[in-house]
C-alpha cells in the first residue's frame, strides 16, 4: 500500500472512531456540583419522546409521549443524579456531558443519550 493510502486509511479510521474530535466534544463525568448547576431549571430530553424538567428545590416533572405528566423528585448524592418516581423509579446515575449532550449511565447498561435544554423550550 502506498504511503498516501496508509495516511488516508488512518485518517478515515480516526474520524470514524472519534479520534478526530476536539477536546470540547469529549464526554466527561460531571461532579455533583456540576450536575446541580447544569440541571437545575433545565429540561433533559431526547427531543421527541420524553422530557424531564428539573425544577429548583428537587421537584421532577416527567412527560412521556402518550402518557400523562408524572411527578417525582431529584437530588444529588455524591457525584450521582438520583431520581425518584413513586412506584416507578428510585435510582442514582452517573452523568456524563459534552456541551448540551448528556449521557445518563448506570452499571453495565448502555448509556441513555439526551440533550439538556432551557426549561421553556420543548
PDB file of N, CA and C in Angstrom:
ATOM      1  N   UNK A   1       0.849  -1.170   0.000  1.00  0.00           N
ATOM      2  CA  UNK A   1       0.000   0.000   0.000  1.00  0.00           C
ATOM      3  C   UNK A   1       0.896   1.235   0.000  1.00  0.00           C
ATOM      4  N   UNK A   2       0.563   2.234  -0.785  1.00  0.00           N
ATOM      5  CA  UNK A   2       1.389   3.439  -0.865  1.00  0.00           C
ATOM      6  C   UNK A   2       1.259   4.249   0.427  1.00  0.00           C
ATOM      7  N   UNK A   3       2.242   5.126   0.655  1.00  0.00           N
ATOM      8  CA  UNK A   3       2.227   5.968   1.853  1.00  0.00           C
ATOM      9  C   UNK A   3       0.965   6.823   1.910  1.00  0.00           C
ATOM     10  N   UNK A   4       0.531   7.327   0.755  1.00  0.00           N
ATOM     11  CA  UNK A   4      -0.664   8.174   0.699  1.00  0.00           C
ATOM     12  C   UNK A   4      -1.900   7.381   1.112  1.00  0.00           C
ATOM     13  N   UNK A   5      -2.008   6.123   0.696  1.00  0.00           N
ATOM     14  CA  UNK A   5      -3.162   5.297   1.065  1.00  0.00           C
ATOM     15  C   UNK A   5      -3.136   4.980   2.558  1.00  0.00           C
ATOM     16  N   UNK A   6      -1.950   4.766   3.122  1.00  0.00           N
ATOM     17  CA  UNK A   6      -1.832   4.498   4.559  1.00  0.00           C
ATOM     18  C   UNK A   6      -2.322   5.707   5.350  1.00  0.00           C
ATOM     19  N   UNK A   7      -1.898   6.901   4.954  1.00  0.00           N
ATOM     20  CA  UNK A   7      -2.323   8.129   5.632  1.00  0.00           C
ATOM     21  C   UNK A   7      -3.837   8.306   5.493  1.00  0.00           C
ATOM     22  N   UNK A   8      -4.366   8.113   4.307  1.00  0.00           N
ATOM     23  CA  UNK A   8      -5.806   8.267   4.081  1.00  0.00           C
ATOM     24  C   UNK A   8      -6.598   7.258   4.906  1.00  0.00           C
ATOM     25  N   UNK A   9      -6.135   6.019   4.964  1.00  0.00           N
ATOM     26  CA  UNK A   9      -6.813   4.984   5.746  1.00  0.00           C
ATOM     27  C   UNK A   9      -6.778   5.324   7.227  1.00  0.00           C
ATOM     28  N   UNK A  10      -5.635   5.764   7.738  1.00  0.00           N
ATOM     29  CA  UNK A  10      -5.508   6.129   9.149  1.00  0.00           C
ATOM     30  C   UNK A  10      -6.410   7.313   9.489  1.00  0.00           C
ATOM     31  N   UNK A  11      -6.467   8.303   8.603  1.00  0.00           N
ATOM     32  CA  UNK A  11      -7.315   9.470   8.829  1.00  0.00           C
ATOM     33  C   UNK A  11      -8.788   9.066   8.853  1.00  0.00           C
ATOM     34  N   UNK A  12      -9.205   8.241   7.922  1.00  0.00           N
ATOM     35  CA  UNK A  12     -10.595   7.781   7.885  1.00  0.00           C
ATOM     36  C   UNK A  12     -10.935   7.005   9.149  1.00  0.00           C
ATOM     37  N   UNK A  13     -10.057   6.143   9.612  1.00  0.00           N
ATOM     38  CA  UNK A  13     -10.299   5.367  10.827  1.00  0.00           C
ATOM     39  C   UNK A  13     -10.415   6.280  12.039  1.00  0.00           C
ATOM     40  N   UNK A  14      -9.550   7.291  12.115  1.00  0.00           N
ATOM     41  CA  UNK A  14      -9.597   8.219  13.243  1.00  0.00           C
ATOM     42  C   UNK A  14     -10.905   8.994  13.265  1.00  0.00           C
ATOM     43  N   UNK A  15     -11.371   9.427  12.107  1.00  0.00           N
ATOM     44  CA  UNK A  15     -12.626  10.175  12.042  1.00  0.00           C
ATOM     45  C   UNK A  15     -13.821   9.303  12.392  1.00  0.00           C
ATOM     46  N   UNK A  16     -13.831   8.071  11.942  1.00  0.00           N
ATOM     47  CA  UNK A  16     -14.944   7.167  12.219  1.00  0.00           C
ATOM     48  C   UNK A  16     -15.019   6.769  13.684  1.00  0.00           C
ATOM     49  N   UNK A  17     -13.891   6.696  14.363  1.00  0.00           N
ATOM     50  CA  UNK A  17     -13.883   6.294  15.767  1.00  0.00           C
ATOM     51  C   UNK A  17     -13.879   7.470  16.713  1.00  0.00           C
ATOM     52  N   UNK A  18     -13.950   8.678  16.184  1.00  0.00           N
ATOM     53  CA  UNK A  18     -13.985   9.862  17.031  1.00  0.00           C
ATOM     54  C   UNK A  18     -12.608  10.383  17.363  1.00  0.00           C
ATOM     55  N   UNK A  19     -11.568   9.787  16.822  1.00  0.00           N
ATOM     56  CA  UNK A  19     -10.206  10.224  17.100  1.00  0.00           C
ATOM     57  C   UNK A  19      -9.924  11.624  16.622  1.00  0.00           C
ATOM     58  N   UNK A  20     -10.731  12.137  15.706  1.00  0.00           N
ATOM     59  CA  UNK A  20     -10.518  13.483  15.212  1.00  0.00           C
ATOM     60  C   UNK A  20     -11.318  14.529  15.971  1.00  0.00           C
ATOM     61  N   UNK A  21     -12.054  14.114  17.001  1.00  0.00           N
ATOM     62  CA  UNK A  21     -12.885  15.053  17.748  1.00  0.00           C
ATOM     63  C   UNK A  21     -12.036  15.944  18.624  1.00  0.00           C
ATOM     64  N   UNK A  22     -12.472  17.174  18.800  1.00  0.00           N
ATOM     65  CA  UNK A  22     -11.734  18.098  19.651  1.00  0.00           C
ATOM     66  C   UNK A  22     -12.016  17.777  21.111  1.00  0.00           C
ATOM     67  N   UNK A  23     -11.185  18.286  21.997  1.00  0.00           N
ATOM     68  CA  UNK A  23     -11.352  18.045  23.426  1.00  0.00           C
ATOM     69  C   UNK A  23     -12.705  18.507  23.936  1.00  0.00           C
ATOM     70  N   UNK A  24     -13.266  19.564  23.329  1.00  0.00           N
ATOM     71  CA  UNK A  24     -14.554  20.084  23.774  1.00  0.00           C
ATOM     72  C   UNK A  24     -15.687  19.106  23.492  1.00  0.00           C
ATOM     73  N   UNK A  25     -15.493  18.205  22.545  1.00  0.00           N
ATOM     74  CA  UNK A  25     -16.538  17.251  22.178  1.00  0.00           C
ATOM     75  C   UNK A  25     -16.474  15.958  22.969  1.00  0.00           C
ATOM     76  N   UNK A  26     -15.468  15.788  23.816  1.00  0.00           N
ATOM     77  CA  UNK A  26     -15.289  14.539  24.543  1.00  0.00           C
ATOM     78  C   UNK A  26     -16.191  14.497  25.768  1.00  0.00           C
ATOM     79  N   UNK A  27     -16.861  13.357  25.970  1.00  0.00           N
ATOM     80  CA  UNK A  27     -17.684  13.168  27.153  1.00  0.00           C
ATOM     81  C   UNK A  27     -16.792  13.158  28.390  1.00  0.00           C
ATOM     82  N   UNK A  28     -17.250  13.818  29.445  1.00  0.00           N
ATOM     83  CA  UNK A  28     -16.556  13.788  30.726  1.00  0.00           C
ATOM     84  C   UNK A  28     -17.592  13.659  31.838  1.00  0.00           C
ATOM     85  N   UNK A  29     -17.204  12.992  32.909  1.00  0.00           N
ATOM     86  CA  UNK A  29     -18.124  12.764  34.020  1.00  0.00           C
ATOM     87  C   UNK A  29     -18.270  14.044  34.840  1.00  0.00           C
ATOM     88  N   UNK A  30     -19.525  14.366  35.179  1.00  0.00           N
ATOM     89  CA  UNK A  30     -19.804  15.552  35.980  1.00  0.00           C
ATOM     90  C   UNK A  30     -19.750  15.235  37.467  1.00  0.00           C
ATOM     91  N   UNK A  31     -19.324  16.216  38.244  1.00  0.00           N
ATOM     92  CA  UNK A  31     -19.372  16.106  39.700  1.00  0.00           C
ATOM     93  C   UNK A  31     -20.779  16.452  40.168  1.00  0.00           C
ATOM     94  N   UNK A  32     -21.056  16.194  41.419  1.00  0.00           N
ATOM     95  CA  UNK A  32     -22.361  16.546  41.972  1.00  0.00           C
ATOM     96  C   UNK A  32     -22.663  18.028  41.843  1.00  0.00           C
ATOM     97  N   UNK A  33     -21.678  18.867  42.108  1.00  0.00           N
ATOM     98  CA  UNK A  33     -21.847  20.314  41.987  1.00  0.00           C
ATOM     99  C   UNK A  33     -22.155  20.708  40.551  1.00  0.00           C
ATOM    100  N   UNK A  34     -21.464  20.102  39.595  1.00  0.00           N
ATOM    101  CA  UNK A  34     -21.717  20.400  38.183  1.00  0.00           C
ATOM    102  C   UNK A  34     -23.103  19.919  37.756  1.00  0.00           C
ATOM    103  N   UNK A  35     -23.517  18.756  38.226  1.00  0.00           N
ATOM    104  CA  UNK A  35     -24.859  18.238  37.886  1.00  0.00           C
ATOM    105  C   UNK A  35     -25.908  19.223  38.379  1.00  0.00           C
ATOM    106  N   UNK A  36     -25.810  19.614  39.660  1.00  0.00           N
ATOM    107  CA  UNK A  36     -26.792  20.550  40.230  1.00  0.00           C
ATOM    108  C   UNK A  36     -26.829  21.855  39.433  1.00  0.00           C
ATOM    109  N   UNK A  37     -25.667  22.379  39.119  1.00  0.00           N
ATOM    110  CA  UNK A  37     -25.577  23.635  38.383  1.00  0.00           C
ATOM    111  C   UNK A  37     -26.171  23.525  36.983  1.00  0.00           C
ATOM    112  N   UNK A  38     -25.872  22.444  36.291  1.00  0.00           N
ATOM    113  CA  UNK A  38     -26.323  22.305  34.900  1.00  0.00           C
ATOM    114  C   UNK A  38     -27.775  21.862  34.775  1.00  0.00           C
ATOM    115  N   UNK A  39     -28.308  21.087  35.731  1.00  0.00           N
ATOM    116  CA  UNK A  39     -29.653  20.532  35.604  1.00  0.00           C
ATOM    117  C   UNK A  39     -30.739  21.425  36.200  1.00  0.00           C
ATOM    118  N   UNK A  40     -30.423  22.196  37.232  1.00  0.00           N
ATOM    119  CA  UNK A  40     -31.445  22.993  37.912  1.00  0.00           C
ATOM    120  C   UNK A  40     -32.092  23.985  36.937  1.00  0.00           C
ATOM    121  N   UNK A  41     -33.415  23.879  36.830  1.00  0.00           N
ATOM    122  CA  UNK A  41     -34.176  24.752  35.941  1.00  0.00           C
ATOM    123  C   UNK A  41     -34.106  24.374  34.474  1.00  0.00           C
ATOM    124  N   UNK A  42     -33.594  23.193  34.176  1.00  0.00           N
ATOM    125  CA  UNK A  42     -33.437  22.756  32.784  1.00  0.00           C
ATOM    126  C   UNK A  42     -34.301  21.538  32.485  1.00  0.00           C
ATOM    127  N   UNK A  43     -34.326  21.190  31.208  1.00  0.00           N
ATOM    128  CA  UNK A  43     -35.065  20.026  30.720  1.00  0.00           C
ATOM    129  C   UNK A  43     -34.073  19.058  30.085  1.00  0.00           C
ATOM    130  N   UNK A  44     -34.170  17.798  30.471  1.00  0.00           N
ATOM    131  CA  UNK A  44     -33.414  16.730  29.828  1.00  0.00           C
ATOM    132  C   UNK A  44     -34.381  16.019  28.894  1.00  0.00           C
ATOM    133  N   UNK A  45     -34.009  15.863  27.617  1.00  0.00           N
ATOM    134  CA  UNK A  45     -34.941  15.307  26.639  1.00  0.00           C
ATOM    135  C   UNK A  45     -34.212  14.573  25.522  1.00  0.00           C
ATOM    136  N   UNK A  46     -34.929  13.652  24.889  1.00  0.00           N
ATOM    137  CA  UNK A  46     -34.390  13.037  23.667  1.00  0.00           C
ATOM    138  C   UNK A  46     -34.816  13.867  22.452  1.00  0.00           C
ATOM    139  N   UNK A  47     -35.584  14.931  22.693  1.00  0.00           N
ATOM    140  CA  UNK A  47     -36.011  15.823  21.625  1.00  0.00           C
ATOM    141  C   UNK A  47     -37.346  15.462  21.011  1.00  0.00           C
ATOM    142  N   UNK A  48     -37.869  14.273  21.317  1.00  0.00           N
ATOM    143  CA  UNK A  48     -39.119  13.834  20.698  1.00  0.00           C
ATOM    144  C   UNK A  48     -40.050  13.093  21.652  1.00  0.00           C
ATOM    145  N   UNK A  49     -39.550  12.065  22.302  1.00  0.00           N
ATOM    146  CA  UNK A  49     -40.400  11.113  23.024  1.00  0.00           C
ATOM    147  C   UNK A  49     -40.616  11.416  24.496  1.00  0.00           C
ATOM    148  N   UNK A  50     -39.693  12.062  25.132  1.00  0.00           N
ATOM    149  CA  UNK A  50     -39.807  12.321  26.565  1.00  0.00           C
ATOM    150  C   UNK A  50     -39.002  13.549  26.963  1.00  0.00           C
ATOM    151  N   UNK A  51     -39.371  14.091  28.127  1.00  0.00           N
ATOM    152  CA  UNK A  51     -38.643  15.217  28.701  1.00  0.00           C
ATOM    153  C   UNK A  51     -38.798  15.186  30.212  1.00  0.00           C
ATOM    154  N   UNK A  52     -37.739  15.548  30.911  1.00  0.00           N
ATOM    155  CA  UNK A  52     -37.739  15.619  32.363  1.00  0.00           C
ATOM    156  C   UNK A  52     -37.339  17.042  32.748  1.00  0.00           C
ATOM    157  N   UNK A  53     -38.203  17.724  33.506  1.00  0.00           N
ATOM    158  CA  UNK A  53     -37.922  19.079  33.948  1.00  0.00           C
ATOM    159  C   UNK A  53     -37.402  19.026  35.380  1.00  0.00           C
ATOM    160  N   UNK A  54     -36.205  19.569  35.592  1.00  0.00           N
ATOM    161  CA  UNK A  54     -35.545  19.577  36.891  1.00  0.00           C
ATOM    162  C   UNK A  54     -35.785  20.914  37.568  1.00  0.00           C
ATOM    163  N   UNK A  55     -36.869  20.977  38.340  1.00  0.00           N
ATOM    164  CA  UNK A  55     -37.298  22.208  38.993  1.00  0.00           C
ATOM    165  C   UNK A  55     -36.392  22.475  40.198  1.00  0.00           C
ATOM    166  N   UNK A  56     -36.013  23.762  40.416  1.00  0.00           N
ATOM    167  CA  UNK A  56     -35.231  24.069  41.614  1.00  0.00           C
ATOM    168  C   UNK A  56     -35.953  23.566  42.873  1.00  0.00           C
ATOM    169  N   UNK A  57     -35.202  23.084  43.828  1.00  0.00           N
ATOM    170  CA  UNK A  57     -35.803  22.579  45.062  1.00  0.00           C
ATOM    171  C   UNK A  57     -36.051  21.082  45.026  1.00  0.00           C
ATOM    172  N   UNK A  58     -35.777  20.430  43.898  1.00  0.00           N
ATOM    173  CA  UNK A  58     -35.860  18.978  43.847  1.00  0.00           C
ATOM    174  C   UNK A  58     -37.100  18.371  43.223  1.00  0.00           C
ATOM    175  N   UNK A  59     -37.999  19.175  42.698  1.00  0.00           N
ATOM    176  CA  UNK A  59     -39.174  18.618  42.029  1.00  0.00           C
ATOM    177  C   UNK A  59     -38.793  18.180  40.619  1.00  0.00           C
ATOM    178  N   UNK A  60     -39.301  17.029  40.199  1.00  0.00           N
ATOM    179  CA  UNK A  60     -39.059  16.482  38.862  1.00  0.00           C
ATOM    180  C   UNK A  60     -40.403  16.285  38.175  1.00  0.00           C
ATOM    181  N   UNK A  61     -40.525  16.775  36.958  1.00  0.00           N
ATOM    182  CA  UNK A  61     -41.745  16.579  36.174  1.00  0.00           C
ATOM    183  C   UNK A  61     -41.363  15.808  34.920  1.00  0.00           C
ATOM    184  N   UNK A  62     -41.962  14.619  34.755  1.00  0.00           N
ATOM    185  CA  UNK A  62     -41.639  13.744  33.629  1.00  0.00           C
ATOM    186  C   UNK A  62     -42.816  13.707  32.669  1.00  0.00           C
ATOM    187  N   UNK A  63     -42.530  14.000  31.396  1.00  0.00           N
ATOM    188  CA  UNK A  63     -43.544  13.951  30.349  1.00  0.00           C
ATOM    189  C   UNK A  63     -43.076  12.958  29.293  1.00  0.00           C
ATOM    190  N   UNK A  64     -43.917  11.951  29.031  1.00  0.00           N
ATOM    191  CA  UNK A  64     -43.592  10.934  28.038  1.00  0.00           C
ATOM    192  C   UNK A  64     -44.700  10.871  27.005  1.00  0.00           C
ATOM    193  N   UNK A  65     -44.309  10.680  25.740  1.00  0.00           N
ATOM    194  CA  UNK A  65     -45.274  10.630  24.656  1.00  0.00           C
ATOM    195  C   UNK A  65     -46.349   9.572  24.954  1.00  0.00           C
ATOM    196  N   UNK A  66     -47.600   9.975  24.856  1.00  0.00           N
ATOM    197  CA  UNK A  66     -48.708   9.047  25.057  1.00  0.00           C
ATOM    198  C   UNK A  66     -49.095   8.826  26.505  1.00  0.00           C
ATOM    199  N   UNK A  67     -48.474   9.556  27.439  1.00  0.00           N
ATOM    200  CA  UNK A  67     -48.773   9.392  28.874  1.00  0.00           C
ATOM    201  C   UNK A  67     -48.980  10.759  29.515  1.00  0.00           C
ATOM    202  N   UNK A  68     -49.759  10.759  30.599  1.00  0.00           N
ATOM    203  CA  UNK A  68     -49.915  11.981  31.378  1.00  0.00           C
ATOM    204  C   UNK A  68     -48.594  12.313  32.057  1.00  0.00           C
ATOM    205  N   UNK A  69     -48.358  13.582  32.309  1.00  0.00           N
ATOM    206  CA  UNK A  69     -47.154  14.003  33.032  1.00  0.00           C
ATOM    207  C   UNK A  69     -47.189  13.390  34.426  1.00  0.00           C
ATOM    208  N   UNK A  70     -46.029  12.974  34.909  1.00  0.00           N
ATOM    209  CA  UNK A  70     -45.977  12.389  36.243  1.00  0.00           C
ATOM    210  C   UNK A  70     -44.915  13.095  37.086  1.00  0.00           C
ATOM    211  N   UNK A  71     -45.237  13.292  38.367  1.00  0.00           N
ATOM    212  CA  UNK A  71     -44.309  13.990  39.247  1.00  0.00           C
ATOM    213  C   UNK A  71     -43.280  13.043  39.852  1.00  0.00           C
ATOM    214  N   UNK A  72     -42.233  13.628  40.323  1.00  0.00           N
ATOM    215  CA  UNK A  72     -41.206  12.888  41.031  1.00  0.00           C
ATOM    216  C   UNK A  72     -40.311  13.877  41.745  1.00  0.00           C
ATOM    217  N   UNK A  73     -39.143  13.401  42.129  1.00  0.00           N
ATOM    218  CA  UNK A  73     -38.178  14.289  42.769  1.00  0.00           C
ATOM    219  C   UNK A  73     -36.773  13.915  42.315  1.00  0.00           C
ATOM    220  N   UNK A  74     -35.863  14.856  42.494  1.00  0.00           N
ATOM    221  CA  UNK A  74     -34.477  14.609  42.151  1.00  0.00           C
ATOM    222  C   UNK A  74     -33.584  15.210  43.226  1.00  0.00           C
ATOM    223  N   UNK A  75     -32.389  14.619  43.352  1.00  0.00           N
ATOM    224  CA  UNK A  75     -31.416  15.113  44.311  1.00  0.00           C
ATOM    225  C   UNK A  75     -30.029  14.692  43.850  1.00  0.00           C
ATOM    226  N   UNK A  76     -29.031  15.254  44.473  1.00  0.00           N
ATOM    227  CA  UNK A  76     -27.647  14.883  44.201  1.00  0.00           C
ATOM    228  C   UNK A  76     -27.148  14.094  45.404  1.00  0.00           C
ATOM    229  N   UNK A  77     -26.521  12.955  45.128  1.00  0.00           N
ATOM    230  CA  UNK A  77     -25.892  12.147  46.170  1.00  0.00           C
ATOM    231  C   UNK A  77     -24.459  11.886  45.732  1.00  0.00           C
ATOM    232  N   UNK A  78     -23.520  12.552  46.391  1.00  0.00           N
ATOM    233  CA  UNK A  78     -22.123  12.453  45.953  1.00  0.00           C
ATOM    234  C   UNK A  78     -22.013  13.030  44.552  1.00  0.00           C
ATOM    235  N   UNK A  79     -21.522  12.229  43.628  1.00  0.00           N
ATOM    236  CA  UNK A  79     -21.408  12.659  42.225  1.00  0.00           C
ATOM    237  C   UNK A  79     -22.435  11.954  41.351  1.00  0.00           C
ATOM    238  N   UNK A  80     -23.611  11.683  41.923  1.00  0.00           N
ATOM    239  CA  UNK A  80     -24.672  10.989  41.194  1.00  0.00           C
ATOM    240  C   UNK A  80     -25.957  11.813  41.195  1.00  0.00           C
ATOM    241  N   UNK A  81     -26.697  11.706  40.098  1.00  0.00           N
ATOM    242  CA  UNK A  81     -28.036  12.271  39.983  1.00  0.00           C
ATOM    243  C   UNK A  81     -29.011  11.172  40.396  1.00  0.00           C
ATOM    244  N   UNK A  82     -29.824  11.450  41.412  1.00  0.00           N
ATOM    245  CA  UNK A  82     -30.803  10.466  41.885  1.00  0.00           C
ATOM    246  C   UNK A  82     -32.203  10.950  41.523  1.00  0.00           C
ATOM    247  N   UNK A  83     -32.989  10.040  40.965  1.00  0.00           N
ATOM    248  CA  UNK A  83     -34.362  10.352  40.559  1.00  0.00           C
ATOM    249  C   UNK A  83     -35.313   9.386  41.248  1.00  0.00           C
ATOM    250  N   UNK A  84     -36.422   9.939  41.753  1.00  0.00           N
ATOM    251  CA  UNK A  84     -37.455   9.129  42.386  1.00  0.00           C
ATOM    252  C   UNK A  84     -38.785   9.446  41.725  1.00  0.00           C
ATOM    253  N   UNK A  85     -39.421   8.391  41.225  1.00  0.00           N
ATOM    254  CA  UNK A  85     -40.792   8.486  40.719  1.00  0.00           C
ATOM    255  C   UNK A  85     -41.544   7.376  41.435  1.00  0.00           C
ATOM    256  N   UNK A  86     -42.361   7.732  42.437  1.00  0.00           N
ATOM    257  CA  UNK A  86     -43.004   6.726  43.287  1.00  0.00           C
ATOM    258  C   UNK A  86     -43.668   5.602  42.490  1.00  0.00           C
ATOM    259  N   UNK A  87     -43.291   4.376  42.851  1.00  0.00           N
ATOM    260  CA  UNK A  87     -43.848   3.206  42.199  1.00  0.00           C
ATOM    261  C   UNK A  87     -43.251   2.893  40.840  1.00  0.00           C
ATOM    262  N   UNK A  88     -42.350   3.742  40.350  1.00  0.00           N
ATOM    263  CA  UNK A  88     -41.778   3.561  39.016  1.00  0.00           C
ATOM    264  C   UNK A  88     -40.257   3.467  39.063  1.00  0.00           C
ATOM    265  N   UNK A  89     -39.625   4.375  39.811  1.00  0.00           N
ATOM    266  CA  UNK A  89     -38.176   4.518  39.718  1.00  0.00           C
ATOM    267  C   UNK A  89     -37.617   5.077  41.014  1.00  0.00           C
ATOM    268  N   UNK A  90     -36.478   4.552  41.434  1.00  0.00           N
ATOM    269  CA  UNK A  90     -35.717   5.094  42.560  1.00  0.00           C
ATOM    270  C   UNK A  90     -34.266   4.679  42.359  1.00  0.00           C
ATOM    271  N   UNK A  91     -33.524   5.477  41.558  1.00  0.00           N
ATOM    272  CA  UNK A  91     -32.149   5.123  41.186  1.00  0.00           C
ATOM    273  C   UNK A  91     -31.261   6.352  41.170  1.00  0.00           C
ATOM    274  N   UNK A  92     -29.942   6.082  41.256  1.00  0.00           N
ATOM    275  CA  UNK A  92     -28.931   7.131  41.131  1.00  0.00           C
ATOM    276  C   UNK A  92     -28.033   6.801  39.944  1.00  0.00           C
ATOM    277  N   UNK A  93     -27.576   7.838  39.246  1.00  0.00           N
ATOM    278  CA  UNK A  93     -26.872   7.668  37.978  1.00  0.00           C
ATOM    279  C   UNK A  93     -25.628   8.537  37.906  1.00  0.00           C
ATOM    280  N   UNK A  94     -24.641   8.081  37.142  1.00  0.00           N
ATOM    281  CA  UNK A  94     -23.534   8.931  36.735  1.00  0.00           C
ATOM    282  C   UNK A  94     -24.051   9.810  35.600  1.00  0.00           C
ATOM    283  N   UNK A  95     -23.545  11.034  35.530  1.00  0.00           N
ATOM    284  CA  UNK A  95     -23.907  11.940  34.435  1.00  0.00           C
ATOM    285  C   UNK A  95     -22.626  12.328  33.707  1.00  0.00           C
ATOM    286  N   UNK A  96     -22.629  12.113  32.408  1.00  0.00           N
ATOM    287  CA  UNK A  96     -21.508  12.471  31.537  1.00  0.00           C
ATOM    288  C   UNK A  96     -22.005  13.523  30.559  1.00  0.00           C
ATOM    289  N   UNK A  97     -21.132  14.447  30.174  1.00  0.00           N
ATOM    290  CA  UNK A  97     -21.571  15.548  29.311  1.00  0.00           C
ATOM    291  C   UNK A  97     -20.493  15.962  28.331  1.00  0.00           C
ATOM    292  N   UNK A  98     -20.960  16.503  27.214  1.00  0.00           N
ATOM    293  CA  UNK A  98     -20.135  17.181  26.217  1.00  0.00           C
ATOM    294  C   UNK A  98     -21.033  18.252  25.610  1.00  0.00           C
ATOM    295  N   UNK A  99     -20.841  19.493  26.020  1.00  0.00           N
ATOM    296  CA  UNK A  99     -21.738  20.557  25.569  1.00  0.00           C
ATOM    297  C   UNK A  99     -23.125  20.307  26.119  1.00  0.00           C
ATOM    298  N   UNK A 100     -24.151  20.338  25.254  1.00  0.00           N
ATOM    299  CA  UNK A 100     -25.519  20.074  25.721  1.00  0.00           C
ATOM    300  C   UNK A 100     -25.889  18.594  25.612  1.00  0.00           C
ATOM    301  N   UNK A 101     -24.955  17.773  25.126  1.00  0.00           N
ATOM    302  CA  UNK A 101     -25.181  16.324  25.047  1.00  0.00           C
ATOM    303  C   UNK A 101     -24.926  15.700  26.414  1.00  0.00           C
ATOM    304  N   UNK A 102     -25.849  14.869  26.845  1.00  0.00           N
ATOM    305  CA  UNK A 102     -25.774  14.246  28.158  1.00  0.00           C
ATOM    306  C   UNK A 102     -25.906  12.735  28.005  1.00  0.00           C
ATOM    307  N   UNK A 103     -25.167  11.995  28.807  1.00  0.00           N
ATOM    308  CA  UNK A 103     -25.352  10.558  28.928  1.00  0.00           C
ATOM    309  C   UNK A 103     -25.618  10.253  30.392  1.00  0.00           C
ATOM    310  N   UNK A 104     -26.692   9.507  30.626  1.00  0.00           N
ATOM    311  CA  UNK A 104     -27.041   9.032  31.959  1.00  0.00           C
ATOM    312  C   UNK A 104     -26.596   7.574  32.009  1.00  0.00           C
ATOM    313  N   UNK A 105     -25.714   7.248  32.948  1.00  0.00           N
ATOM    314  CA  UNK A 105     -25.117   5.917  32.993  1.00  0.00           C
ATOM    315  C   UNK A 105     -25.369   5.244  34.341  1.00  0.00           C
ATOM    316  N   UNK A 106     -25.623   3.945  34.263  1.00  0.00           N
ATOM    317  CA  UNK A 106     -25.749   3.139  35.478  1.00  0.00           C
ATOM    318  C   UNK A 106     -25.259   1.722  35.170  1.00  0.00           C
ATOM    319  N   UNK A 107     -24.363   1.243  35.992  1.00  0.00           N
ATOM    320  CA  UNK A 107     -23.854  -0.116  35.845  1.00  0.00           C
ATOM    321  C   UNK A 107     -23.330  -0.415  34.457  1.00  0.00           C
ATOM    322  N   UNK A 108     -23.618  -1.631  33.990  1.00  0.00           N
ATOM    323  CA  UNK A 108     -23.147  -2.078  32.681  1.00  0.00           C
ATOM    324  C   UNK A 108     -24.153  -1.827  31.561  1.00  0.00           C
ATOM    325  N   UNK A 109     -25.233  -1.100  31.862  1.00  0.00           N
ATOM    326  CA  UNK A 109     -26.242  -0.821  30.844  1.00  0.00           C
ATOM    327  C   UNK A 109     -25.724   0.233  29.865  1.00  0.00           C
ATOM    328  N   UNK A 110     -26.198   0.190  28.626  1.00  0.00           N
ATOM    329  CA  UNK A 110     -25.823   1.247  27.664  1.00  0.00           C
ATOM    330  C   UNK A 110     -26.302   2.599  28.187  1.00  0.00           C
ATOM    331  N   UNK A 111     -25.561   3.670  27.924  1.00  0.00           N
ATOM    332  CA  UNK A 111     -25.979   4.986  28.421  1.00  0.00           C
ATOM    333  C   UNK A 111     -27.249   5.479  27.738  1.00  0.00           C
ATOM    334  N   UNK A 112     -28.027   6.232  28.501  1.00  0.00           N
ATOM    335  CA  UNK A 112     -29.189   6.924  27.956  1.00  0.00           C
ATOM    336  C   UNK A 112     -28.677   8.245  27.404  1.00  0.00           C
ATOM    337  N   UNK A 113     -28.857   8.476  26.111  1.00  0.00           N
ATOM    338  CA  UNK A 113     -28.358   9.689  25.465  1.00  0.00           C
ATOM    339  C   UNK A 113     -29.479  10.712  25.356  1.00  0.00           C
ATOM    340  N   UNK A 114     -29.161  11.952  25.719  1.00  0.00           N
ATOM    341  CA  UNK A 114     -30.170  13.004  25.720  1.00  0.00           C
ATOM    342  C   UNK A 114     -29.494  14.366  25.560  1.00  0.00           C
ATOM    343  N   UNK A 115     -30.323  15.405  25.613  1.00  0.00           N
ATOM    344  CA  UNK A 115     -29.850  16.782  25.497  1.00  0.00           C
ATOM    345  C   UNK A 115     -30.408  17.596  26.651  1.00  0.00           C
ATOM    346  N   UNK A 116     -29.640  18.550  27.130  1.00  0.00           N
ATOM    347  CA  UNK A 116     -30.074  19.463  28.171  1.00  0.00           C
ATOM    348  C   UNK A 116     -30.490  20.758  27.494  1.00  0.00           C
ATOM    349  N   UNK A 117     -31.720  21.211  27.780  1.00  0.00           N
ATOM    350  CA  UNK A 117     -32.290  22.398  27.144  1.00  0.00           C
ATOM    351  C   UNK A 117     -32.850  23.353  28.191  1.00  0.00           C
ATOM    352  N   UNK A 118     -33.014  24.621  27.848  1.00  0.00           N
ATOM    353  CA  UNK A 118     -33.713  25.537  28.744  1.00  0.00           C
ATOM    354  C   UNK A 118     -35.135  25.024  28.989  1.00  0.00           C
ATOM    355  N   UNK A 119     -35.673  25.280  30.161  1.00  0.00           N
ATOM    356  CA  UNK A 119     -36.992  24.731  30.525  1.00  0.00           C
ATOM    357  C   UNK A 119     -38.135  25.273  29.687  1.00  0.00           C
ATOM    358  N   UNK A 120     -37.988  26.434  29.068  1.00  0.00           N
ATOM    359  CA  UNK A 120     -39.088  26.998  28.290  1.00  0.00           C
ATOM    360  C   UNK A 120     -39.102  26.519  26.846  1.00  0.00           C
ATOM    361  N   UNK A 121     -38.237  25.576  26.483  1.00  0.00           N
ATOM    362  CA  UNK A 121     -38.160  25.099  25.091  1.00  0.00           C
ATOM    363  C   UNK A 121     -38.429  23.599  25.056  1.00  0.00           C
ATOM    364  N   UNK A 122     -39.347  23.155  24.181  1.00  0.00           N
ATOM    365  CA  UNK A 122     -39.666  21.719  24.103  1.00  0.00           C
ATOM    366  C   UNK A 122     -38.744  20.982  23.201  1.00  0.00           C
TER     367      UNK A 122
END
